Structures are given as C-alpha cells and as structure tokens.
C-alpha cells in the first residue's frame, strides 16, 4: 500500500465534499462550505489542503494550518479517509508529520479530536500523539 499526499485542486472539490457529507462521517467531521474548502485549497490564511492517495487513487483528504507565526507549529484541522481501518489515515498522518518536522522551525503538530471519536484517538495515540485535554492531541518532536 503506497499512501501519498498531493496538494488538492479545484477538481477535487466534489470528491472532498461528497466524502465529508457521507452519513458515516457526519458525527465526526465538521461540514465546510465549498467556499471554505476552496479557500484552503488556494492556501489562504496559512491553510493547506491535501488529497490523500492510496495506490494512486484518491482515498481521503487532510487540511492543516501553518501556525508557526504564533510559535504553534502546525494544526491538523481535519483528516478524513474513505475506507476506515485500512491504515490509510495513519500512513497519511505519518507522512504529514514527517513533512512538517522536516522544516527546521517546527517543534509540534497538534489537532483536536471529538470525544466520541475513539477510532481517531486510538490512531493518534499509536502515532505517539499525547492528550493535553480530552480533545487536544499534540505531537512534540
């Protein structure tokens, strides 16, 4: 299984919103408008929007904020994969962490996880992210 990240484009918008609005994701993922996704795809306000590819096919997406100007590293706003329990999300997040920490001035990556999202919390803990509160997970290099 080869998992990679590539920058999202406008052509990915329908895929992203369809995945986000799927019934099995509604309780775990906030619902963004097309405008919010396009703003992130265009990199406004320090955001980056990535398509997760597995074996060359779209398999999910990841949105992050560059918070280094506030000495807060990167904030992973959202990660969502099409097929759960296949290792795609873990591999994608690991790839993002490696990419983030390859930058000299990054000391942490953090995210928030909904309390009800036991699957997500388990994945983040396996990647050595530590709970700071019931909803904030942080990875320190």
Protein backbone atom coordinates (compact mmCIF):
# COMPACT_ATOMS: atom_id res chain seq x y z
CA UNK A 1 0.00 0.00 0.00
CA UNK A 2 1.51 3.30 -1.12
CA UNK A 3 -0.01 6.36 0.59
CA UNK A 4 0.97 9.83 -0.58
CA UNK A 5 -0.18 13.40 -0.14
CA UNK A 6 -0.63 15.85 -3.00
CA UNK A 7 -1.99 19.37 -2.97
CA UNK A 8 -5.73 19.46 -3.63
CA UNK A 9 -7.07 21.29 -6.68
CA UNK A 10 -10.46 22.71 -7.57
CA UNK A 11 -11.10 19.48 -9.49
CA UNK A 12 -11.04 17.60 -6.16
CA UNK A 13 -13.80 19.68 -4.56
CA UNK A 14 -16.71 17.38 -5.45
CA UNK A 15 -14.83 14.36 -4.11
CA UNK A 16 -13.94 16.16 -0.86
CA UNK A 17 -17.44 17.45 -0.14
CA UNK A 18 -19.10 14.12 -1.04
CA UNK A 19 -16.77 12.29 1.36
CA UNK A 20 -17.29 14.86 4.09
CA UNK A 21 -21.08 14.69 3.78
CA UNK A 22 -21.29 10.92 3.76
CA UNK A 23 -23.61 9.68 6.54
CA UNK A 24 -20.87 7.70 8.34
CA UNK A 25 -18.73 10.86 8.67
CA UNK A 26 -21.30 13.41 9.86
CA UNK A 27 -20.80 12.78 13.58
CA UNK A 28 -17.02 13.15 13.37
CA UNK A 29 -16.28 15.81 10.75
CA UNK A 30 -17.42 19.42 10.59
CA UNK A 31 -19.21 20.42 7.42
CA UNK A 32 -17.47 23.10 5.38
CA UNK A 33 -18.94 25.05 2.52
CA UNK A 34 -17.41 24.88 -0.94
CA UNK A 35 -16.01 28.36 -0.34
CA UNK A 36 -14.20 27.24 2.84
CA UNK A 37 -12.64 24.28 1.04
CA UNK A 38 -11.64 26.41 -1.96
CA UNK A 39 -10.08 28.96 0.37
CA UNK A 40 -7.95 26.21 1.92
CA UNK A 41 -7.13 24.72 -1.50
CA UNK A 42 -5.88 28.15 -2.56
CA UNK A 43 -3.74 28.37 0.60
CA UNK A 44 -5.43 31.40 2.14
CA UNK A 45 -4.67 32.25 5.77
CA UNK A 46 -1.84 29.73 6.07
CA UNK A 47 -4.04 26.74 5.25
CA UNK A 48 -3.05 23.78 3.14
CA UNK A 49 -5.43 21.24 1.64
CA UNK A 50 -4.11 17.80 0.67
CA UNK A 51 -5.57 14.84 -1.14
CA UNK A 52 -4.57 11.51 0.36
CA UNK A 53 -3.86 8.99 -2.37
CA UNK A 54 -3.60 5.26 -1.83
CA UNK A 55 -2.07 3.26 -4.66
CA UNK A 56 -2.63 6.24 -6.99
CA UNK A 57 -6.34 6.70 -6.20
CA UNK A 58 -7.98 9.36 -4.06
CA UNK A 59 -8.54 7.93 -0.60
CA UNK A 60 -9.26 10.98 1.59
CA UNK A 61 -8.08 14.46 2.43
CA UNK A 62 -6.20 16.44 5.08
CA UNK A 63 -6.41 20.14 5.94
CA UNK A 64 -3.74 21.86 8.03
CA UNK A 65 -2.97 25.36 9.26
CA UNK A 66 0.55 26.77 9.44
CA UNK A 67 0.68 28.31 12.92
CA UNK A 68 4.43 28.89 13.09
CA UNK A 69 3.96 32.67 13.20
CA UNK A 70 2.35 32.11 16.60
CA UNK A 71 5.00 29.56 17.67
CA UNK A 72 2.45 26.75 17.49
CA UNK A 73 3.78 24.53 14.71
CA UNK A 74 1.07 23.04 12.51
CA UNK A 75 -2.55 22.42 13.36
CA UNK A 76 -4.21 19.50 11.58
CA UNK A 77 -7.74 20.81 11.12
CA UNK A 78 -9.14 17.71 9.50
CA UNK A 79 -8.17 14.29 8.23
CA UNK A 80 -10.74 12.05 6.61
CA UNK A 81 -10.32 8.81 4.71
CA UNK A 82 -12.74 6.91 2.54
CA UNK A 83 -12.07 3.40 3.89
CA UNK A 84 -11.69 3.09 7.64
CA UNK A 85 -9.41 0.51 9.31
CA UNK A 86 -7.16 0.09 6.27
CA UNK A 87 -4.18 2.04 7.62
CA UNK A 88 -4.60 4.88 5.13
CA UNK A 89 -5.28 7.57 7.74
CA UNK A 90 -2.32 6.53 9.90
CA UNK A 91 0.02 6.44 6.91
CA UNK A 92 -1.21 9.82 5.65
CA UNK A 93 -0.81 11.47 9.06
CA UNK A 94 2.65 9.92 9.47
CA UNK A 95 3.61 11.35 6.05
CA UNK A 96 2.28 14.77 7.05
CA UNK A 97 4.20 14.67 10.35
CA UNK A 98 7.44 13.78 8.54
CA UNK A 99 6.88 16.63 6.08
CA UNK A 100 6.07 19.12 8.84
CA UNK A 101 9.05 18.19 11.02
CA UNK A 102 11.43 18.37 8.06
CA UNK A 103 11.11 22.14 8.40
CA UNK A 104 13.72 23.46 10.80
CA UNK A 105 11.44 25.68 12.87
CA UNK A 106 8.65 23.18 13.61
CA UNK A 107 8.55 21.72 17.10
CA UNK A 108 4.98 20.44 17.32
CA UNK A 109 1.92 19.36 15.36
CA UNK A 110 -1.43 19.31 17.08
CA UNK A 111 -5.06 18.54 16.38
CA UNK A 112 -8.40 18.35 18.10
CA UNK A 113 -10.43 15.16 18.24
CA UNK A 114 -14.06 14.86 19.24
CA UNK A 115 -14.56 12.94 22.47
CA UNK A 116 -16.81 10.41 20.74
CA UNK A 117 -14.15 9.63 18.12
CA UNK A 118 -12.50 6.65 19.81
CA UNK A 119 -11.11 5.37 16.48
CA UNK A 120 -9.35 8.66 15.80
CA UNK A 121 -7.98 8.93 19.35
CA UNK A 122 -6.59 5.38 19.08
CA UNK A 123 -4.85 6.19 15.78
CA UNK A 124 -3.34 9.40 17.15
CA UNK A 125 -2.07 7.64 20.27
CA UNK A 126 -0.46 4.92 18.10
CA UNK A 127 1.40 7.74 16.33
CA UNK A 128 2.66 8.92 19.75
CA UNK A 129 0.45 11.98 19.94
CA UNK A 130 -0.35 12.79 23.55
CA UNK A 131 -3.56 14.15 25.06
CA UNK A 132 -3.35 17.63 26.50
CA UNK A 133 -7.09 17.75 27.25
CA UNK A 134 -9.94 15.45 26.34
CA UNK A 135 -9.97 16.90 22.83
CA UNK A 136 -6.45 18.15 22.02
CA UNK A 137 -3.71 15.77 20.88
CA UNK A 138 -0.15 17.01 20.39
CA UNK A 139 2.97 15.55 18.83
CA UNK A 140 6.24 17.05 20.02
CA UNK A 141 9.46 16.40 18.21
